[in-house]
Amino acid sequence: MDISMPASNPLAEPSVVSHAGRSGRNWLALSGVAALIVMLPIAGLALEALKGSAGLWAHLFSSILPVALVDTVILLLGVGVVTAVLGTTTAWLVTAYDFPGRRVLEWALLLPLAVPTYIIAYAYLDILHPIGSVQGAIRWLLGYETPRQFRLPDIRSMTGCILLLGFVLYPYVYIPTRAMFLTQSGNLVDAARTLGVSRRAIFWRVALPLARPAVAIGVALALMETLNDVGAAEFLGVRTMTVSIYTTWITRTDLPGASQIALALLLIVVALVAVERWARRKQRYATNARRSRGLTPSKVPALKGLLLFVAGAVPVLLGFIAPALYLTTEAWKRYQFAGLSSRLVGEAISTLTIAILATVVTISLGLVVAYATRLRPGRTSATLLRMSTVGYAAPGTVVAIGVLIVLAGLDRFIDRTALDWFGVSTGLLFMGSGAAVVYALTVRFLAISAGGIEAGLSRIPMSFDHASRTLGQSTAGTFRHVHLPLSKAAISAAALLVFVDCIKELPATLLLRPLNVETFATHLYGEAARGTYEEASIAALAIVAISVLPVILLSRIGASGRSLR
């Protein structure tokens, strides 16, 4: 009998090693199933796009794509600039300077993440309405009486859309850039100061060049969210490719045309990711975390500190406080006038049911993918991991169309088979039950689950695995008794983020929900489209309240990270 043992684990018994190998292959096979689940909608989208006639492509290229493509590119460029400027400057502000209120700004600058893009548009359309309180107060101060005499520029514009999205999405840049600033060696700053470089010049010559990878990643994430948006762009009159997909499908009932636009949008997303990686292809940074110290904030005079606090508070005011106060006021008015609508109970049940089911499925598949990567590290598991997480880069409308194509085809196949064999029609098993929404949300947010859980598992030393197996535990036992307890915090954090994202998701839910089923997000969209803002204020406030949860999580992570330094 061969008693040779692998070099990586000299204490393991042969039976344990062979069992671990078989179990690893099983986990890898399950990871392949998860990757297939994610890739099926993309493949279905491509096949449906090919069904469109050549004349349809000509129509899209002549009348729809040019306007949609130009608006999309302008919106991406504008949002990219605004988020880069706001995120980078606020991150440097709270890292490099010490002033009263800095500790509050550190976590308060995360709060705009709690306001979905379609809610910020919904709120400001009413806040800045020509006959609203804000413009009314301005006219009163200037001595005007009617909107014909004076009115602010219409927020329903490309500029308005860029600014509103920028003030909501800048935390995607703020979070990684601030982390980069915090981990930069204070020795580099001291060296620059001894050479006579001012604090402002240090930002441009030292800190910003070193933080470019973090800024690029944050901007890329913000642009992904911009491409995923359908509500804000439509409310503000910007005809992006995402809005064109929705109108082509819903208004014109043209699924092949919508698939072709979605495929074109997916190519833009792929190009965006490729450009971001190409821009960072030669950037390599190294630092000795043990020997270097963090950047020490510079104490500033009281007046300058007040100005810095006001500057840092402006994004929080515009991105969170103003819309949150508006929603609270409108919700209270609605409650005093008519109480709570009976619809809200049903919408709450639908919202929570869909979000909980999607979270359970997404976390389960994320565990499979992440654990397979741990058990069988290599090119195959890494490829399956990337395939499983590709859905996060695809906008919700793109994923929704792919899911529709796959599940509608499966519904038709099951219905025909049941009719042929049993003479019974099964109807729309998947499309009519809400399974399509859960499927789409799983595809969209599996990257959050797999990435978060993989990060948690990576902190567990491999020696724990070896010790567990030498004590007679199988791979499943090691997973159950060692890895699950030790990665519980990472799994819980990933579940929370997925749950909140499912609550906020509008495009996929709007396009795939069963008939007569409303969630908070779809209710808000419908009321805003009709202009009845007060009817949806309670639903919008509920979404914002739930969305604050990951912000609290991120602020606690940031606080614990600061305490460890």
Protein backbone atom coordinates (compact mmCIF):
# COMPACT_ATOMS: atom_id res chain seq x y z
CA MET A 1 0.00 0.00 0.00
CA ASP A 2 1.31 3.44 -0.93
CA ILE A 3 1.91 5.41 2.24
CA SER A 4 3.40 8.50 0.59
CA MET A 5 2.00 11.80 1.78
CA PRO A 6 1.71 15.15 0.02
CA ALA A 7 4.39 17.68 0.90
CA SER A 8 1.82 20.33 1.73
CA ASN A 9 0.42 18.23 4.59
CA PRO A 10 2.94 15.76 6.00
CA LEU A 11 0.74 14.86 9.00
CA ALA A 12 -2.34 13.79 7.03
CA GLU A 13 -3.38 10.19 6.63
CA PRO A 14 -3.81 8.88 3.04
CA SER A 15 -7.52 8.25 3.52
CA VAL A 16 -8.00 11.78 4.79
CA VAL A 17 -6.09 13.20 1.84
CA SER A 18 -8.01 11.18 -0.74
CA HIS A 19 -11.31 12.05 0.92
CA ALA A 20 -10.38 15.73 0.93
CA GLY A 21 -9.49 15.49 -2.75
CA ARG A 22 -12.82 13.89 -3.65
CA SER A 23 -14.69 16.44 -1.56
CA GLY A 24 -12.76 19.27 -3.19
CA ARG A 25 -13.78 18.00 -6.62
CA ASN A 26 -17.40 17.92 -5.47
CA TRP A 27 -17.22 21.51 -4.25
CA LEU A 28 -15.56 22.49 -7.52
CA ALA A 29 -18.38 20.84 -9.46
CA LEU A 30 -20.95 22.77 -7.40
CA SER A 31 -18.98 25.95 -8.10
CA GLY A 32 -19.30 25.12 -11.80
CA VAL A 33 -23.06 24.87 -11.37
CA ALA A 34 -23.10 28.32 -9.74
CA ALA A 35 -21.07 29.75 -12.62
CA LEU A 36 -23.48 28.15 -15.10
CA ILE A 37 -26.45 29.69 -13.29
CA VAL A 38 -24.87 33.12 -13.71
CA MET A 39 -23.77 32.67 -17.32
CA LEU A 40 -27.07 31.26 -18.64
CA PRO A 41 -28.84 34.66 -18.76
CA ILE A 42 -25.86 36.18 -20.61
CA ALA A 43 -25.93 33.35 -23.16
CA GLY A 44 -29.72 33.67 -23.50
CA LEU A 45 -29.35 37.40 -24.08
CA ALA A 46 -26.86 36.83 -26.90
CA LEU A 47 -29.06 34.21 -28.56
CA GLU A 48 -32.14 36.44 -28.37
CA ALA A 49 -30.19 39.37 -29.83
CA LEU A 50 -29.19 37.21 -32.80
CA LYS A 51 -32.87 36.55 -33.54
CA GLY A 52 -33.39 40.20 -34.44
CA SER A 53 -33.44 40.94 -38.13
CA ALA A 54 -30.78 42.97 -39.91
CA GLY A 55 -33.39 45.67 -40.42
CA LEU A 56 -33.89 45.89 -36.67
CA TRP A 57 -30.18 46.50 -36.15
CA ALA A 58 -30.32 49.22 -38.82
CA HIS A 59 -33.26 50.85 -37.03
CA LEU A 60 -31.44 50.74 -33.69
CA PHE A 61 -28.26 52.23 -35.14
CA SER A 62 -30.12 55.00 -36.94
CA SER A 63 -32.69 56.14 -34.39
CA ILE A 64 -32.12 54.76 -30.88
CA LEU A 65 -28.49 53.90 -30.21
CA PRO A 66 -26.91 57.23 -31.31
CA VAL A 67 -28.93 59.33 -28.84
CA ALA A 68 -28.77 56.72 -26.08
CA LEU A 69 -25.04 56.16 -26.57
CA VAL A 70 -24.20 59.88 -26.54
CA ASP A 71 -26.31 60.50 -23.42
CA THR A 72 -24.78 57.47 -21.70
CA VAL A 73 -21.20 58.53 -22.47
CA ILE A 74 -21.82 62.13 -21.33
CA LEU A 75 -23.48 60.89 -18.14
CA LEU A 76 -20.61 58.50 -17.40
CA LEU A 77 -17.98 61.17 -17.98
CA GLY A 78 -19.81 63.70 -15.81
CA VAL A 79 -20.52 61.29 -12.96
CA GLY A 80 -16.94 60.00 -13.14
CA VAL A 81 -15.52 63.50 -12.72
CA VAL A 82 -17.92 64.49 -9.91
CA THR A 83 -17.44 61.29 -7.91
CA ALA A 84 -13.66 61.38 -8.36
CA VAL A 85 -13.44 65.00 -7.17
CA LEU A 86 -15.86 64.64 -4.25
CA GLY A 87 -14.62 61.25 -3.10
CA THR A 88 -10.92 62.10 -3.28
CA THR A 89 -11.14 65.55 -1.71
CA THR A 90 -13.36 64.44 1.17
CA ALA A 91 -11.12 61.42 1.83
CA TRP A 92 -8.05 63.68 2.00
CA LEU A 93 -9.93 66.21 4.10
CA VAL A 94 -10.73 63.81 6.96
CA THR A 95 -7.35 62.05 6.70
CA ALA A 96 -4.85 64.88 6.44
CA TYR A 97 -6.43 67.56 8.66
CA ASP A 98 -7.54 67.57 12.28
CA PHE A 99 -10.49 69.90 12.95
CA PRO A 100 -13.64 69.89 15.13
CA GLY A 101 -16.22 67.50 13.70
CA ARG A 102 -13.73 65.41 11.70
CA ARG A 103 -14.70 62.19 13.51
CA VAL A 104 -18.35 62.82 12.65
CA LEU A 105 -17.56 63.45 8.99
CA GLU A 106 -15.56 60.21 8.74
CA TRP A 107 -18.75 58.14 9.02
CA ALA A 108 -21.29 60.76 7.92
CA LEU A 109 -19.68 60.92 4.46
CA LEU A 110 -20.86 57.32 3.98
CA LEU A 111 -24.54 58.19 4.48
CA PRO A 112 -25.39 58.99 0.81
CA LEU A 113 -24.89 55.28 0.13
CA ALA A 114 -28.22 54.79 1.94
CA VAL A 115 -30.11 56.78 -0.70
CA PRO A 116 -30.72 54.85 -3.95
CA THR A 117 -30.26 56.92 -7.11
CA TYR A 118 -33.94 56.80 -8.05
CA ILE A 119 -34.92 58.10 -4.59
CA ILE A 120 -32.54 61.07 -4.80
CA ALA A 121 -34.10 62.01 -8.15
CA TYR A 122 -37.60 61.46 -6.78
CA ALA A 123 -36.88 63.71 -3.79
CA TYR A 124 -35.17 66.56 -5.60
CA LEU A 125 -37.80 66.71 -8.33
CA ASP A 126 -40.20 67.86 -5.64
CA ILE A 127 -37.71 69.80 -3.50
CA LEU A 128 -36.58 71.94 -6.46
CA HIS A 129 -39.94 72.16 -8.21
CA PRO A 130 -40.58 75.68 -9.66
CA ILE A 131 -43.49 76.20 -7.26
CA GLY A 132 -41.84 74.36 -4.39
CA SER A 133 -40.65 75.77 -1.08
CA VAL A 134 -36.98 76.16 -2.05
CA GLN A 135 -37.54 78.19 -5.20
CA GLY A 136 -40.38 80.04 -3.48
CA ALA A 137 -38.03 81.12 -0.68
CA ILE A 138 -35.41 82.25 -3.18
CA ARG A 139 -37.95 84.32 -5.11
CA TRP A 140 -39.16 85.88 -1.85
CA LEU A 141 -35.62 86.88 -0.90
CA LEU A 142 -34.99 88.37 -4.36
CA GLY A 143 -38.33 90.18 -4.52
CA TYR A 144 -39.95 88.09 -7.27
CA GLU A 145 -43.51 86.81 -7.14
CA THR A 146 -43.99 84.14 -9.84
CA PRO A 147 -41.85 81.45 -11.49
CA ARG A 148 -42.12 83.40 -14.74
CA GLN A 149 -40.08 86.18 -13.19
CA PHE A 150 -37.39 83.93 -11.75
CA ARG A 151 -36.75 80.19 -11.61
CA LEU A 152 -33.71 78.01 -11.18
CA PRO A 153 -32.45 75.90 -14.10
CA ASP A 154 -34.61 72.82 -14.59
CA ILE A 155 -33.25 69.83 -12.71
CA ARG A 156 -34.69 67.59 -15.45
CA SER A 157 -31.51 67.81 -17.48
CA MET A 158 -28.21 66.10 -18.08
CA THR A 159 -26.46 68.49 -15.69
CA GLY A 160 -29.02 67.82 -12.97
CA CYS A 161 -28.68 64.06 -13.43
CA ILE A 162 -24.86 64.22 -13.27
CA LEU A 163 -24.85 66.29 -10.10
CA LEU A 164 -27.48 64.23 -8.27
CA LEU A 165 -25.86 60.90 -9.15
CA GLY A 166 -22.45 62.30 -8.25
CA PHE A 167 -23.59 63.38 -4.77
CA VAL A 168 -25.03 59.90 -4.11
CA LEU A 169 -22.26 57.76 -5.60
CA TYR A 170 -19.11 59.57 -4.44
CA PRO A 171 -18.76 57.24 -1.37
CA TYR A 172 -17.68 54.50 -3.79
CA VAL A 173 -14.54 56.61 -4.32
CA TYR A 174 -14.33 57.94 -0.76
CA ILE A 175 -14.13 54.49 0.89
CA PRO A 176 -11.16 52.95 -0.98
CA THR A 177 -9.33 56.27 -1.37
CA ARG A 178 -9.53 57.06 2.35
CA ALA A 179 -8.30 53.55 3.11
CA MET A 180 -5.37 54.15 0.77
CA PHE A 181 -4.57 57.49 2.41
CA LEU A 182 -4.69 55.89 5.87
CA THR A 183 -2.27 53.12 4.90
CA GLN A 184 0.19 55.41 3.14
CA SER A 185 3.42 55.75 5.05
CA GLY A 186 3.77 58.91 7.09
CA ASN A 187 7.49 58.66 6.40
CA LEU A 188 6.86 59.66 2.78
CA VAL A 189 4.95 62.74 3.90
CA ASP A 190 7.68 63.65 6.39
CA ALA A 191 10.31 63.31 3.69
CA ALA A 192 8.32 65.60 1.43
CA ARG A 193 7.87 68.15 4.22
CA THR A 194 11.62 68.21 4.93
CA LEU A 195 12.13 69.06 1.26
CA GLY A 196 9.93 72.11 1.70
CA VAL A 197 6.76 70.72 0.11
CA SER A 198 3.53 72.24 1.46
CA ARG A 199 0.60 70.15 2.70
CA ARG A 200 -1.38 71.03 -0.41
CA ALA A 201 1.49 70.09 -2.72
CA ILE A 202 1.94 66.79 -0.85
CA PHE A 203 -1.59 65.89 -1.88
CA TRP A 204 -0.86 66.48 -5.58
CA ARG A 205 2.69 65.10 -5.70
CA VAL A 206 2.65 62.23 -3.18
CA ALA A 207 -0.78 61.19 -1.87
CA LEU A 208 -2.85 61.41 -5.05
CA PRO A 209 -0.41 59.52 -7.32
CA LEU A 210 -0.20 56.72 -4.75
CA ALA A 211 -3.99 56.63 -4.41
CA ARG A 212 -4.72 56.45 -8.16
CA PRO A 213 -5.56 52.70 -8.11
CA ALA A 214 -8.12 53.24 -5.32
CA VAL A 215 -9.63 56.23 -7.14
CA ALA A 216 -9.86 54.22 -10.37
CA ILE A 217 -11.60 51.32 -8.63
CA GLY A 218 -14.04 53.64 -6.87
CA VAL A 219 -14.90 55.51 -10.06
CA ALA A 220 -15.41 52.22 -11.90
CA LEU A 221 -17.88 51.06 -9.22
CA ALA A 222 -19.72 54.39 -9.36
CA LEU A 223 -20.00 54.14 -13.15
CA MET A 224 -21.35 50.59 -12.83
CA GLU A 225 -24.08 51.92 -10.57
CA THR A 226 -24.75 54.73 -13.05
CA LEU A 227 -25.21 52.22 -15.85
CA ASN A 228 -27.52 50.16 -13.65
CA ASP A 229 -29.76 53.17 -12.93
CA VAL A 230 -33.08 53.39 -14.73
CA GLY A 231 -35.30 55.40 -12.38
CA ALA A 232 -33.21 58.55 -11.88
CA ALA A 233 -32.29 58.89 -15.55
CA GLU A 234 -35.90 58.45 -16.67
CA PHE A 235 -37.26 60.85 -14.03
CA LEU A 236 -34.69 63.48 -15.04
CA GLY A 237 -35.27 63.12 -18.78
CA VAL A 238 -31.91 61.53 -19.71
CA ARG A 239 -32.30 58.80 -22.32
CA THR A 240 -29.51 56.42 -21.45
CA MET A 241 -29.07 52.97 -22.95
CA THR A 242 -30.56 51.46 -19.79
CA VAL A 243 -33.70 53.57 -20.18
CA SER A 244 -33.82 52.64 -23.87
CA ILE A 245 -33.75 48.95 -22.97
CA TYR A 246 -36.68 49.41 -20.61
CA THR A 247 -38.80 51.44 -23.03
CA THR A 248 -38.02 49.14 -25.97
CA TRP A 249 -39.13 46.12 -23.99
CA ILE A 250 -42.09 47.50 -22.02
CA THR A 251 -43.45 50.22 -24.30
CA ARG A 252 -42.80 48.61 -27.68
CA THR A 253 -42.92 44.96 -26.50
CA ASP A 254 -39.82 44.36 -28.63
CA LEU A 255 -37.73 41.76 -26.79
CA PRO A 256 -35.17 41.15 -29.59
CA GLY A 257 -34.60 44.90 -29.89
CA ALA A 258 -34.20 45.27 -26.13
CA SER A 259 -31.81 42.31 -26.15
CA GLN A 260 -29.68 43.94 -28.82
CA ILE A 261 -29.45 47.21 -26.88
CA ALA A 262 -28.68 45.23 -23.72
CA LEU A 263 -25.92 43.35 -25.53
CA ALA A 264 -24.44 46.65 -26.73
CA LEU A 265 -24.58 47.99 -23.15
CA LEU A 266 -22.88 44.84 -21.87
CA LEU A 267 -20.06 45.42 -24.33
CA ILE A 268 -19.67 48.95 -22.96
CA VAL A 269 -19.42 47.55 -19.44
CA VAL A 270 -16.76 45.05 -20.54
CA ALA A 271 -14.85 47.86 -22.27
CA LEU A 272 -15.11 50.00 -19.13
CA VAL A 273 -13.65 47.26 -16.95
CA ALA A 274 -10.91 46.59 -19.51
CA VAL A 275 -9.95 50.27 -19.66
CA GLU A 276 -9.83 50.50 -15.86
CA ARG A 277 -7.53 47.47 -15.66
CA TRP A 278 -5.39 48.71 -18.55
CA ALA A 279 -4.91 52.08 -16.83
CA ARG A 280 -3.52 50.27 -13.77
CA ARG A 281 -1.54 47.62 -15.63
CA LYS A 282 1.93 48.94 -14.67
CA GLN A 283 1.14 50.33 -11.25
CA ARG A 284 2.80 48.47 -8.39
CA TYR A 285 3.03 49.77 -4.84
CA ALA A 286 4.76 48.28 -1.86
CA THR A 287 4.93 49.36 1.75
CA ASN A 288 6.20 47.84 4.96
CA ALA A 289 3.19 47.94 7.26
CA ARG A 290 5.27 46.96 10.30
CA ARG A 291 7.90 49.66 9.99
CA SER A 292 5.84 52.52 8.63
CA ARG A 293 3.39 54.66 10.54
CA GLY A 294 0.12 56.09 9.35
CA LEU A 295 -0.45 59.61 8.15
CA THR A 296 -0.85 61.98 11.12
CA PRO A 297 -3.59 64.63 10.64
CA SER A 298 -2.38 68.21 10.75
CA LYS A 299 -4.02 70.47 13.33
CA VAL A 300 -5.59 73.55 11.72
CA PRO A 301 -6.74 76.89 13.19
CA ALA A 302 -10.33 77.20 14.39
CA LEU A 303 -11.61 79.31 11.48
CA LYS A 304 -10.00 77.13 8.86
CA GLY A 305 -11.30 74.06 10.70
CA LEU A 306 -14.83 75.43 10.54
CA LEU A 307 -14.48 76.02 6.79
CA LEU A 308 -13.15 72.49 6.30
CA PHE A 309 -16.05 71.04 8.27
CA VAL A 310 -18.58 73.00 6.20
CA ALA A 311 -16.89 71.88 2.97
CA GLY A 312 -17.00 68.25 4.09
CA ALA A 313 -20.61 68.54 5.27
CA VAL A 314 -21.95 69.83 1.93
CA PRO A 315 -21.92 66.38 0.21
CA VAL A 316 -23.63 64.87 3.26
CA LEU A 317 -26.25 67.63 3.28
CA LEU A 318 -27.06 67.32 -0.42
CA GLY A 319 -26.63 63.57 -0.71
CA PHE A 320 -28.43 62.43 2.44
CA ILE A 321 -29.75 65.00 4.92
CA ALA A 322 -31.88 67.05 2.50
CA PRO A 323 -33.63 64.07 0.83
CA ALA A 324 -34.01 62.26 4.18
CA LEU A 325 -35.64 65.30 5.79
CA TYR A 326 -37.90 65.71 2.76
CA LEU A 327 -39.00 62.08 2.88
CA THR A 328 -39.61 62.25 6.63
CA THR A 329 -41.71 65.42 6.28
CA GLU A 330 -43.75 64.09 3.37
CA ALA A 331 -44.28 60.73 5.07
CA TRP A 332 -45.55 62.46 8.21
CA LYS A 333 -47.91 64.63 6.15
CA ARG A 334 -49.22 61.55 4.38
CA TYR A 335 -49.70 59.73 7.68
CA GLN A 336 -51.59 62.65 9.24
CA PHE A 337 -53.82 63.01 6.19
CA ALA A 338 -54.72 59.42 5.40
CA GLY A 339 -52.81 57.16 7.79
CA LEU A 340 -50.87 54.17 6.57
CA SER A 341 -52.09 52.72 3.31
CA SER A 342 -53.22 49.09 3.42
CA ARG A 343 -51.02 48.55 0.35
CA LEU A 344 -47.89 49.12 2.43
CA VAL A 345 -48.37 45.88 4.37
CA GLY A 346 -48.54 43.82 1.19
CA GLU A 347 -45.62 45.70 -0.32
CA ALA A 348 -43.55 45.18 2.83
CA ILE A 349 -44.29 41.44 2.77
CA SER A 350 -43.41 41.19 -0.95
CA THR A 351 -40.23 43.24 -0.51
CA LEU A 352 -38.98 41.27 2.49
CA THR A 353 -39.94 37.88 1.04
CA ILE A 354 -38.11 38.48 -2.23
CA ALA A 355 -35.08 39.99 -0.47
CA ILE A 356 -34.82 37.17 2.10
CA LEU A 357 -35.15 34.40 -0.50
CA ALA A 358 -32.62 36.06 -2.79
CA THR A 359 -30.22 36.57 0.11
CA VAL A 360 -30.43 32.93 1.20
CA VAL A 361 -29.81 31.65 -2.34
CA THR A 362 -27.03 34.17 -3.00
CA ILE A 363 -25.19 33.46 0.25
CA SER A 364 -25.50 29.69 -0.31
CA LEU A 365 -24.01 29.92 -3.80
CA GLY A 366 -21.38 32.37 -2.56
CA LEU A 367 -20.32 29.85 0.10
CA VAL A 368 -20.01 27.15 -2.55
CA VAL A 369 -17.88 29.28 -4.87
CA ALA A 370 -15.65 30.68 -2.11
CA TYR A 371 -15.12 27.33 -0.40
CA ALA A 372 -14.30 25.60 -3.67
CA THR A 373 -11.62 28.24 -4.23
CA ARG A 374 -10.16 27.46 -0.80
CA LEU A 375 -10.22 23.69 -1.24
CA ARG A 376 -9.00 23.62 -4.83
CA PRO A 377 -6.95 26.77 -5.47
CA GLY A 378 -5.87 27.08 -9.07
CA ARG A 379 -6.83 28.32 -12.49
CA THR A 380 -10.10 26.36 -12.69
CA SER A 381 -11.53 27.59 -9.39
CA ALA A 382 -10.35 31.15 -10.11
CA THR A 383 -12.06 31.07 -13.51
CA LEU A 384 -15.29 29.76 -12.00
CA LEU A 385 -15.11 32.50 -9.37
CA ARG A 386 -14.79 35.21 -12.03
CA MET A 387 -17.64 33.69 -14.05
CA SER A 388 -19.84 33.57 -10.94
CA THR A 389 -19.28 37.23 -10.20
CA VAL A 390 -19.71 38.65 -13.71
CA GLY A 391 -23.36 39.49 -13.02
CA TYR A 392 -22.42 42.38 -10.73
CA ALA A 393 -20.86 44.19 -13.69
CA ALA A 394 -24.03 43.80 -15.77
CA PRO A 395 -26.80 46.38 -15.23
CA GLY A 396 -30.04 45.08 -13.76
CA THR A 397 -31.95 45.55 -17.02
CA VAL A 398 -29.41 43.39 -18.88
CA VAL A 399 -29.64 40.63 -16.27
CA ALA A 400 -33.44 40.88 -16.24
CA ILE A 401 -33.75 40.35 -19.98
CA GLY A 402 -31.38 37.38 -19.87
CA VAL A 403 -33.32 35.82 -16.98
CA LEU A 404 -36.61 36.41 -18.80
CA ILE A 405 -35.34 34.63 -21.89
CA VAL A 406 -34.06 31.62 -19.94
CA LEU A 407 -36.99 31.16 -17.56
CA ALA A 408 -39.69 31.96 -20.10
CA GLY A 409 -38.21 29.30 -22.37
CA LEU A 410 -38.11 26.85 -19.47
CA ASP A 411 -41.74 27.68 -18.61
CA ARG A 412 -42.80 26.99 -22.18
CA PHE A 413 -40.89 23.69 -22.25
CA ILE A 414 -42.44 22.47 -18.98
CA ASP A 415 -45.91 23.57 -20.08
CA ARG A 416 -45.65 21.74 -23.43
CA THR A 417 -44.29 18.61 -21.75
CA ALA A 418 -47.09 18.60 -19.16
CA LEU A 419 -49.69 19.05 -21.89
CA ASP A 420 -48.26 16.25 -24.01
CA TRP A 421 -47.87 13.78 -21.15
CA PHE A 422 -50.67 14.63 -18.72
CA GLY A 423 -52.97 17.00 -20.62
CA VAL A 424 -52.46 19.67 -17.94
CA SER A 425 -51.12 23.18 -18.45
CA THR A 426 -48.61 24.28 -15.82
CA GLY A 427 -48.69 27.96 -16.83
CA LEU A 428 -45.87 30.28 -15.81
CA LEU A 429 -44.21 28.37 -13.01
CA PHE A 430 -41.15 30.60 -12.77
CA MET A 431 -42.24 33.89 -14.33
CA GLY A 432 -45.49 33.93 -12.40
CA SER A 433 -44.14 33.00 -8.99
CA GLY A 434 -41.42 35.58 -8.38
CA ALA A 435 -38.65 33.05 -8.98
CA ALA A 436 -37.43 35.17 -11.88
CA VAL A 437 -36.84 38.14 -9.56
CA VAL A 438 -34.94 35.96 -7.07
CA TYR A 439 -32.87 34.51 -9.92
CA ALA A 440 -32.00 37.96 -11.28
CA LEU A 441 -31.05 39.29 -7.84
CA THR A 442 -28.87 36.23 -7.26
CA VAL A 443 -27.03 36.79 -10.53
CA ARG A 444 -26.60 40.50 -9.78
CA PHE A 445 -25.26 40.20 -6.23
CA LEU A 446 -23.43 36.86 -6.14
CA ALA A 447 -20.18 38.84 -6.45
CA ILE A 448 -20.84 40.53 -3.09
CA SER A 449 -21.52 37.19 -1.43
CA ALA A 450 -18.60 35.27 -2.94
CA GLY A 451 -16.13 38.12 -2.50
CA GLY A 452 -17.03 38.80 1.12
CA ILE A 453 -17.02 35.15 2.14
CA GLU A 454 -13.77 34.46 0.27
CA ALA A 455 -12.15 37.36 2.13
CA GLY A 456 -13.35 35.89 5.44
CA LEU A 457 -12.08 32.40 4.61
CA SER A 458 -8.70 33.76 3.53
CA ARG A 459 -8.07 34.97 7.09
CA ILE A 460 -8.29 31.41 8.43
CA PRO A 461 -4.84 29.74 8.36
CA MET A 462 -4.58 26.52 6.35
CA SER A 463 -3.01 24.90 9.40
CA PHE A 464 -6.49 24.81 10.94
CA ASP A 465 -7.66 22.63 8.02
CA HIS A 466 -4.73 20.27 8.45
CA ALA A 467 -5.24 20.01 12.21
CA SER A 468 -8.95 19.30 11.79
CA ARG A 469 -8.38 16.53 9.28
CA THR A 470 -5.65 14.85 11.30
CA LEU A 471 -8.17 14.73 14.16
CA GLY A 472 -10.50 12.71 11.95
CA GLN A 473 -12.81 15.40 10.62
CA SER A 474 -13.98 15.13 7.03
CA THR A 475 -14.00 18.13 4.70
CA ALA A 476 -17.68 18.65 5.49
CA GLY A 477 -16.94 18.41 9.21
CA THR A 478 -14.10 20.89 8.91
CA PHE A 479 -16.38 23.23 7.03
CA ARG A 480 -19.11 22.89 9.64
CA HIS A 481 -17.01 23.00 12.82
CA VAL A 482 -14.08 25.21 11.81
CA HIS A 483 -14.72 27.40 8.80
CA LEU A 484 -18.34 28.35 9.40
CA PRO A 485 -17.83 29.55 13.00
CA LEU A 486 -14.65 31.46 12.15
CA SER A 487 -16.11 33.13 9.05
CA LYS A 488 -19.48 33.89 10.65
CA ALA A 489 -18.80 37.64 10.75
CA ALA A 490 -17.85 37.76 7.05
CA ILE A 491 -20.92 35.72 6.06
CA SER A 492 -23.20 37.93 8.15
CA ALA A 493 -21.73 41.10 6.65
CA ALA A 494 -22.11 39.73 3.12
CA ALA A 495 -25.71 38.68 3.86
CA LEU A 496 -26.54 42.16 5.16
CA LEU A 497 -25.09 43.87 2.09
CA VAL A 498 -26.89 41.48 -0.28
CA PHE A 499 -30.19 41.89 1.59
CA VAL A 500 -30.07 45.69 1.43
CA ASP A 501 -29.07 45.67 -2.24
CA CYS A 502 -32.04 43.39 -2.96
CA ILE A 503 -34.33 45.84 -1.15
CA LYS A 504 -33.00 48.76 -3.22
CA GLU A 505 -32.80 47.04 -6.62
CA LEU A 506 -35.25 48.62 -9.06
CA PRO A 507 -34.56 47.58 -12.70
CA ALA A 508 -34.66 43.79 -12.25
CA THR A 509 -37.59 43.92 -9.82
CA LEU A 510 -39.51 46.33 -12.02
CA LEU A 511 -39.13 44.19 -15.12
CA LEU A 512 -39.58 40.68 -13.68
CA ARG A 513 -42.06 40.98 -10.80
CA PRO A 514 -45.26 38.94 -11.21
CA LEU A 515 -48.51 40.66 -12.04
CA ASN A 516 -50.19 42.52 -9.14
CA VAL A 517 -47.05 42.27 -7.01
CA GLU A 518 -45.57 45.53 -5.77
CA THR A 519 -42.44 46.14 -3.73
CA PHE A 520 -41.35 49.38 -2.08
CA ALA A 521 -39.11 50.16 -5.06
CA THR A 522 -41.73 49.50 -7.76
CA HIS A 523 -44.39 51.40 -5.80
CA LEU A 524 -42.07 54.39 -5.54
CA TYR A 525 -41.28 54.22 -9.26
CA GLY A 526 -44.94 54.10 -10.23
CA GLU A 527 -45.95 57.02 -8.02
CA ALA A 528 -43.01 59.15 -9.14
CA ALA A 529 -43.79 58.43 -12.79
CA ARG A 530 -47.34 59.70 -12.16
CA GLY A 531 -46.09 62.73 -10.24
CA THR A 532 -47.87 61.78 -7.00
CA TYR A 533 -44.80 62.11 -4.79
CA GLU A 534 -46.58 62.19 -1.44
CA GLU A 535 -48.09 58.74 -2.03
CA ALA A 536 -44.66 57.08 -2.21
CA SER A 537 -42.87 58.99 0.55
CA ILE A 538 -43.42 56.30 3.20
CA ALA A 539 -42.10 53.54 0.91
CA ALA A 540 -39.09 55.69 0.00
CA LEU A 541 -38.38 56.43 3.65
CA ALA A 542 -38.55 52.71 4.45
CA ILE A 543 -35.99 51.95 1.75
CA VAL A 544 -33.64 54.65 3.04
CA ALA A 545 -34.05 53.45 6.64
CA ILE A 546 -33.17 49.87 5.66
CA SER A 547 -30.29 51.07 3.49
CA VAL A 548 -28.64 52.77 6.47
CA LEU A 549 -27.74 49.30 7.82
CA PRO A 550 -24.70 48.70 5.57
CA VAL A 551 -23.55 52.26 6.25
CA ILE A 552 -23.49 51.45 9.97
CA LEU A 553 -21.58 48.26 9.17
CA LEU A 554 -19.02 50.13 7.06
CA SER A 555 -18.55 52.80 9.73
CA ARG A 556 -17.96 50.14 12.40
CA ILE A 557 -15.45 48.38 10.17
CA GLY A 558 -13.68 51.68 9.63
CA ALA A 559 -13.64 52.39 13.36
CA SER A 560 -12.25 48.94 14.20
CA GLY A 561 -9.64 49.30 11.48
CA ARG A 562 -8.55 52.65 12.93
CA SER A 563 -8.30 51.18 16.43
CA LEU A 564 -6.00 48.42 15.20
CA ARG A 565 -3.40 50.82 13.86
